[in-house]
Amino acid sequence: MIPVLVRSSDNPIVTGFDVPAMPPDLVDPTSVFNPGATKFGDLYLLLLRVQSRGRRTFLVVAESENGRDFDVRRDTVRIEGLDEKAEGIHHVFDPRITRIDDTWYVMFAVDTDTACRIGVARTTDFERFELVGIEQGPDVRNGVLFPTLRDGKFLRLDRPNRIQLADGPTTGDEIVLSESEDLVHWQALGPVLHGRPRLWDERIGAGPPPLLTRRGWLIVYHGVATHFSGTNIYQAGAAVLDLDDPRRVIARTRDNLLEPRKLYEMVGQVPNVVFPSGWIVDDIDADGFASEDGRVLLYYGAADTSVCLAKSTVGRLLDACDPVDRADD
């Protein structure tokens, strides 16, 4: 049986060896993973999370003409205005990219002195990045922006971090829909997806930005199985949300669609991780809907060490989601 998501035979497509030296801060990168992805003209772009041997985190752009073979730029991304923030910022990581009209918005996680925050930057050329703002509020992560506005307001999916692990950071088991007028101050509208105890997706978080299809908003999310002694297993699944009310789940994969099976997914900085964070779909019609025959390039972090690629189509991902009753979701 052909899997819904087919790994590229070239995996991993980006490793630390592909990142050029950028002295003095980034000379011998330890890992590169969890990229945002988008199309910019004829180029496929990744916004990489790159980690130094000192475990400092940098964002770096990579370019490709075919979506598989990437050249990594020789400079790190500087987000204008970020250095002026008063609260201590230690890491900027896990970027997600959404295009709205002629502007690309980058939603990223920010590790501060007090909590994990979500920040937003914007660009029109992937040369200059301007900070829109960093929200202040409860600990939250995995923010992804919808590509359309509703009643003049931005929508996002996010994951409140309400669970404190005994031997690790805070995490969460619920994806929430939120809205904002300015991309900085967000109001939660209600839950969307809940983790499923003792299954593959006990802990969850949104992956790439939602994709508009005629059947609903297609999302890919990561799920973490935590009930195995000594390890957590990061996997990927999908769901379809109602077009008018994205809080309503129409369909959801019963099983994961991608799990750690290859050595590069099972061995690395964090073992047993596939973490979907960006995708590119070429075939979008005049009304903004993705064609079900359209090719999907899904980019994911493997073992928090490298960047990998899996391929599918919009229709195959939609068909993989089983219809659900909201009460049973």
Protein backbone atom coordinates (compact mmCIF):
# COMPACT_ATOMS: atom_id res chain seq x y z
CA MET A 1 0.00 0.00 0.00
CA ILE A 2 1.32 3.44 -0.95
CA PRO A 3 1.49 5.68 2.14
CA VAL A 4 -0.39 8.98 2.17
CA LEU A 5 2.87 10.82 2.81
CA VAL A 6 5.82 9.51 0.81
CA ARG A 7 9.30 10.39 2.03
CA SER A 8 11.72 11.87 -0.47
CA SER A 9 14.49 9.48 -1.45
CA ASP A 10 16.89 12.40 -0.96
CA ASN A 11 16.15 12.76 2.76
CA PRO A 12 17.46 14.46 4.72
CA ILE A 13 17.42 17.37 2.27
CA VAL A 14 19.16 19.90 4.56
CA THR A 15 21.67 19.11 7.30
CA GLY A 16 24.10 21.14 9.36
CA PHE A 17 26.78 20.37 6.76
CA ASP A 18 24.75 22.36 4.19
CA VAL A 19 24.82 25.54 6.29
CA PRO A 20 27.81 27.76 5.43
CA ALA A 21 29.95 29.22 8.18
CA MET A 22 28.79 32.63 9.38
CA PRO A 23 31.41 33.75 11.88
CA PRO A 24 31.62 34.65 14.63
CA ASP A 25 28.27 33.28 15.88
CA LEU A 26 27.53 30.39 13.54
CA VAL A 27 30.62 28.47 12.49
CA ASP A 28 29.89 24.75 12.90
CA PRO A 29 26.09 24.25 13.14
CA THR A 30 24.93 21.33 15.22
CA SER A 31 21.49 20.98 13.66
CA VAL A 32 18.92 22.50 11.32
CA PHE A 33 15.23 21.67 11.61
CA ASN A 34 11.54 22.73 11.84
CA PRO A 35 11.46 25.14 8.86
CA GLY A 36 8.73 27.43 7.61
CA ALA A 37 8.09 27.10 3.88
CA THR A 38 6.62 29.20 1.07
CA LYS A 39 6.84 29.98 -2.64
CA PHE A 40 8.38 33.35 -3.59
CA GLY A 41 8.04 33.91 -7.31
CA ASP A 42 9.53 30.80 -8.91
CA LEU A 43 11.64 29.98 -5.86
CA TYR A 44 10.85 27.54 -3.08
CA LEU A 45 11.96 29.06 0.21
CA LEU A 46 12.61 27.55 3.61
CA LEU A 47 13.14 29.59 6.75
CA LEU A 48 15.38 27.30 8.75
CA ARG A 49 15.88 26.94 12.47
CA VAL A 50 19.64 26.57 12.82
CA GLN A 51 21.37 25.73 16.08
CA SER A 52 24.99 26.38 16.95
CA ARG A 53 27.25 24.21 19.09
CA GLY A 54 26.55 26.66 21.91
CA ARG A 55 22.82 25.87 21.44
CA ARG A 56 22.12 29.38 20.22
CA THR A 57 19.30 29.56 17.68
CA PHE A 58 19.30 31.44 14.36
CA LEU A 59 16.88 31.79 11.44
CA VAL A 60 18.38 31.34 7.98
CA VAL A 61 16.78 31.40 4.51
CA ALA A 62 17.35 28.57 2.00
CA GLU A 63 16.37 28.71 -1.69
CA SER A 64 15.52 26.08 -4.29
CA GLU A 65 14.27 25.90 -7.86
CA ASN A 66 12.64 22.49 -7.44
CA GLY A 67 11.64 22.27 -3.76
CA ARG A 68 14.21 19.55 -3.06
CA ASP A 69 17.74 20.89 -3.63
CA PHE A 70 18.31 23.91 -1.39
CA ASP A 71 21.10 26.47 -1.19
CA VAL A 72 21.44 28.04 2.23
CA ARG A 73 22.16 31.75 2.35
CA ARG A 74 25.34 32.99 3.97
CA ASP A 75 23.74 35.32 6.47
CA THR A 76 21.28 34.98 9.33
CA VAL A 77 17.89 36.70 9.41
CA ARG A 78 17.75 39.87 11.46
CA ILE A 79 14.26 40.86 12.57
CA GLU A 80 14.20 44.64 12.85
CA GLY A 81 12.84 45.78 16.20
CA LEU A 82 13.42 42.52 18.04
CA ASP A 83 16.49 43.79 19.91
CA GLU A 84 14.47 46.67 21.35
CA LYS A 85 12.19 44.41 23.37
CA ALA A 86 12.65 44.86 27.11
CA GLU A 87 11.99 41.29 28.19
CA GLY A 88 14.95 38.97 27.83
CA ILE A 89 14.76 36.92 24.62
CA HIS A 90 16.90 33.81 24.49
CA HIS A 91 15.71 31.95 21.38
CA VAL A 92 13.58 32.67 18.31
CA PHE A 93 12.58 29.40 16.68
CA ASP A 94 10.10 27.21 14.77
CA PRO A 95 8.94 29.78 12.18
CA ARG A 96 5.71 29.30 10.21
CA ILE A 97 5.10 31.36 7.04
CA THR A 98 1.73 32.60 5.75
CA ARG A 99 1.20 34.80 2.70
CA ILE A 100 -1.65 37.34 2.82
CA ASP A 101 -1.89 39.42 -0.37
CA ASP A 102 1.67 40.60 -1.12
CA THR A 103 3.03 40.25 2.41
CA TRP A 104 4.51 37.18 4.04
CA TYR A 105 3.97 36.88 7.79
CA VAL A 106 6.35 34.82 9.88
CA MET A 107 4.88 33.54 13.14
CA PHE A 108 7.56 32.21 15.48
CA ALA A 109 8.09 31.02 19.03
CA VAL A 110 10.07 33.18 21.46
CA ASP A 111 11.79 31.79 24.54
CA THR A 112 11.80 34.57 27.16
CA ASP A 113 12.74 34.89 30.82
CA THR A 114 9.20 34.10 31.93
CA ALA A 115 7.42 32.02 29.27
CA CYS A 116 7.21 30.91 25.67
CA ARG A 117 5.59 33.66 23.56
CA ILE A 118 4.48 33.98 19.95
CA GLY A 119 5.95 36.72 17.81
CA VAL A 120 5.13 37.93 14.30
CA ALA A 121 7.37 39.50 11.66
CA ARG A 122 6.56 40.51 8.10
CA THR A 123 8.48 40.74 4.86
CA THR A 124 7.81 41.46 1.21
CA ASP A 125 11.18 40.36 -0.18
CA PHE A 126 12.76 37.87 2.27
CA GLU A 127 15.67 40.27 2.64
CA ARG A 128 14.25 42.64 5.24
CA PHE A 129 12.12 41.33 8.14
CA GLU A 130 10.21 43.78 10.34
CA LEU A 131 8.86 42.86 13.77
CA VAL A 132 5.11 43.33 14.11
CA GLY A 133 5.11 42.43 17.78
CA ILE A 134 5.33 39.80 20.50
CA GLU A 135 2.20 39.03 22.43
CA GLN A 136 2.21 39.20 26.22
CA GLY A 137 0.03 36.72 28.04
CA PRO A 138 -0.14 33.06 29.00
CA ASP A 139 2.52 30.60 27.91
CA VAL A 140 1.71 29.55 24.33
CA ARG A 141 3.40 27.91 21.34
CA ASN A 142 2.80 26.46 17.84
CA GLY A 143 1.08 29.54 16.41
CA VAL A 144 0.06 29.37 12.74
CA LEU A 145 -1.72 32.12 10.82
CA PHE A 146 -4.66 31.55 8.46
CA PRO A 147 -4.13 32.96 4.93
CA THR A 148 -7.41 34.92 4.97
CA LEU A 149 -9.01 37.44 7.31
CA ARG A 150 -12.49 37.08 8.80
CA ASP A 151 -14.47 40.28 9.40
CA GLY A 152 -11.22 42.21 9.16
CA LYS A 153 -9.50 40.11 11.82
CA PHE A 154 -6.58 37.72 11.63
CA LEU A 155 -7.11 34.11 12.72
CA ARG A 156 -4.57 31.69 14.07
CA LEU A 157 -4.26 28.26 15.60
CA ASP A 158 -2.15 28.03 18.74
CA ARG A 159 -1.35 25.63 21.57
CA PRO A 160 -1.61 26.96 25.15
CA ASN A 161 1.07 25.44 27.37
CA ARG A 162 -0.93 24.43 30.42
CA ILE A 163 0.81 21.16 31.34
CA GLN A 164 4.01 21.37 33.37
CA LEU A 165 6.20 18.33 32.86
CA ALA A 166 8.12 17.10 35.86
CA ASP A 167 11.37 16.87 33.91
CA GLY A 168 10.83 19.33 31.07
CA PRO A 169 9.12 22.46 29.76
CA THR A 170 5.42 23.24 29.71
CA THR A 171 3.37 21.65 26.94
CA GLY A 172 -0.26 21.25 25.91
CA ASP A 173 -2.94 18.88 24.66
CA GLU A 174 -5.33 21.33 22.99
CA ILE A 175 -5.23 23.42 19.79
CA VAL A 176 -7.20 26.67 20.09
CA LEU A 177 -8.59 29.15 17.54
CA SER A 178 -7.75 32.80 18.29
CA GLU A 179 -8.39 36.14 16.56
CA SER A 180 -6.65 39.52 16.48
CA GLU A 181 -6.95 42.93 14.87
CA ASP A 182 -3.24 43.76 15.09
CA LEU A 183 -1.39 40.40 15.25
CA VAL A 184 -0.20 41.25 18.77
CA HIS A 185 -3.26 41.12 21.03
CA TRP A 186 -5.10 37.83 20.66
CA GLN A 187 -8.48 36.63 21.92
CA ALA A 188 -9.16 32.90 22.21
CA LEU A 189 -12.39 31.86 20.47
CA GLY A 190 -12.47 28.26 21.66
CA PRO A 191 -10.87 24.83 21.33
CA VAL A 192 -10.41 23.06 18.01
CA LEU A 193 -8.60 19.78 18.63
CA HIS A 194 -7.92 17.85 21.82
CA GLY A 195 -5.21 15.30 22.44
CA ARG A 196 -6.37 11.70 22.65
CA PRO A 197 -5.14 9.89 25.79
CA ARG A 198 -3.14 6.69 25.32
CA LEU A 199 -3.08 7.10 21.53
CA TRP A 200 -0.49 8.55 19.13
CA ASP A 201 -1.55 12.18 19.69
CA GLU A 202 -1.78 12.69 23.45
CA ARG A 203 0.02 16.05 23.16
CA ILE A 204 -0.64 18.07 20.03
CA GLY A 205 0.28 21.27 18.17
CA ALA A 206 -0.46 22.81 14.78
CA GLY A 207 2.03 22.26 11.97
CA PRO A 208 2.00 24.29 8.72
CA PRO A 209 -0.57 27.07 8.21
CA PRO A 210 -4.13 25.91 7.34
CA LEU A 211 -4.75 25.20 3.66
CA LEU A 212 -8.00 26.37 2.05
CA THR A 213 -9.80 23.56 0.21
CA ARG A 214 -13.39 23.22 -0.96
CA ARG A 215 -13.94 20.51 1.66
CA GLY A 216 -12.69 22.68 4.52
CA TRP A 217 -9.48 23.95 6.09
CA LEU A 218 -6.89 21.18 5.83
CA ILE A 219 -4.33 21.12 8.62
CA VAL A 220 -1.42 18.87 9.47
CA TYR A 221 -0.51 18.68 13.14
CA HIS A 222 2.05 16.92 15.29
CA GLY A 223 1.07 14.46 17.95
CA VAL A 224 3.20 13.13 20.78
CA ALA A 225 2.73 9.70 22.31
CA THR A 226 3.89 10.05 25.92
CA HIS A 227 2.81 6.73 27.42
CA PHE A 228 5.99 4.86 26.49
CA SER A 229 8.52 4.45 29.26
CA GLY A 230 11.59 6.61 28.75
CA THR A 231 10.71 8.34 25.47
CA ASN A 232 8.20 10.54 23.64
CA ILE A 233 7.37 9.79 20.01
CA TYR A 234 6.55 12.74 17.71
CA GLN A 235 4.32 11.92 14.73
CA ALA A 236 2.15 13.73 12.18
CA GLY A 237 -1.54 13.52 11.31
CA ALA A 238 -4.19 15.64 9.62
CA ALA A 239 -7.63 17.12 10.19
CA VAL A 240 -10.24 19.11 8.25
CA LEU A 241 -11.93 22.13 9.85
CA ASP A 242 -15.19 23.80 8.85
CA LEU A 243 -14.69 26.73 6.46
CA ASP A 244 -17.05 29.07 8.30
CA ASP A 245 -16.26 27.96 11.85
CA PRO A 246 -12.75 26.44 12.11
CA ARG A 247 -13.51 25.38 15.67
CA ARG A 248 -15.65 22.59 14.23
CA VAL A 249 -13.70 19.49 13.19
CA ILE A 250 -15.18 17.78 10.13
CA ALA A 251 -12.67 14.95 9.81
CA ARG A 252 -9.48 13.70 11.42
CA THR A 253 -6.97 10.92 10.85
CA ARG A 254 -7.47 7.99 13.17
CA ASP A 255 -3.81 6.95 12.90
CA ASN A 256 -0.71 9.00 12.25
CA LEU A 257 0.35 9.59 8.64
CA LEU A 258 4.07 9.85 9.38
CA GLU A 259 6.07 8.41 12.27
CA PRO A 260 9.77 7.93 13.02
CA ARG A 261 10.91 4.91 11.01
CA LYS A 262 14.09 6.03 9.27
CA LEU A 263 17.41 6.26 11.07
CA TYR A 264 17.57 10.04 10.52
CA GLU A 265 14.20 10.37 12.32
CA MET A 266 15.03 8.00 15.16
CA VAL A 267 18.59 9.10 15.98
CA GLY A 268 19.65 12.68 16.59
CA GLN A 269 19.53 15.57 19.03
CA VAL A 270 16.01 14.50 20.11
CA PRO A 271 15.32 10.89 19.09
CA ASN A 272 12.05 9.68 17.53
CA VAL A 273 10.78 12.96 16.08
CA VAL A 274 8.99 13.94 12.89
CA PHE A 275 7.80 17.53 13.29
CA PRO A 276 5.81 19.05 10.35
CA SER A 277 6.22 22.80 10.12
CA GLY A 278 5.95 23.97 6.51
CA TRP A 279 4.34 23.01 3.23
CA ILE A 280 4.06 24.27 -0.32
CA VAL A 281 1.10 23.56 -2.61
CA ASP A 282 1.50 24.84 -6.16
CA ASP A 283 -2.01 24.36 -7.60
CA ILE A 284 -4.29 27.09 -6.20
CA ASP A 285 -7.32 28.23 -8.23
CA ALA A 286 -8.51 31.80 -8.86
CA ASP A 287 -10.74 31.70 -5.77
CA GLY A 288 -7.86 30.69 -3.52
CA PHE A 289 -8.80 27.01 -3.11
CA ALA A 290 -6.17 24.30 -3.39
CA SER A 291 -6.84 21.76 -6.15
CA GLU A 292 -7.29 18.23 -4.85
CA ASP A 293 -4.85 17.07 -7.54
CA GLY A 294 -2.31 19.61 -6.34
CA ARG A 295 1.07 18.32 -5.19
CA VAL A 296 1.91 18.84 -1.53
CA LEU A 297 5.51 19.25 -0.41
CA LEU A 298 5.58 18.82 3.37
CA TYR A 299 8.76 19.86 5.16
CA TYR A 300 9.51 18.50 8.61
CA GLY A 301 12.21 18.39 11.23
CA ALA A 302 13.74 14.96 11.85
CA ALA A 303 15.08 14.16 15.33
CA ASP A 304 15.62 17.91 15.85
CA THR A 305 18.69 17.48 13.66
CA SER A 306 17.85 17.78 9.96
CA VAL A 307 15.17 18.88 7.49
CA CYS A 308 13.25 16.28 5.51
CA LEU A 309 10.59 16.23 2.81
CA ALA A 310 7.46 14.12 2.33
CA LYS A 311 5.13 14.31 -0.67
CA SER A 312 1.41 13.82 -1.18
CA THR A 313 -1.57 15.45 -2.86
CA VAL A 314 -4.31 17.58 -1.34
CA GLY A 315 -6.93 14.97 -2.19
CA ARG A 316 -5.01 12.10 -0.61
CA LEU A 317 -4.59 14.04 2.63
CA LEU A 318 -8.30 14.95 2.68
CA ASP A 319 -9.34 11.37 2.00
CA ALA A 320 -7.13 10.12 4.84
CA CYS A 321 -9.24 12.03 7.37
CA ASP A 322 -12.19 10.09 8.79
CA PRO A 323 -15.47 11.97 9.41
CA VAL A 324 -15.95 12.74 13.10
CA ASP A 325 -18.75 13.78 15.41
CA ARG A 326 -17.77 16.87 17.37
CA ALA A 327 -18.85 15.18 20.58
CA ASP A 328 -16.44 12.31 19.95
CA ASP A 329 -13.48 14.39 18.72
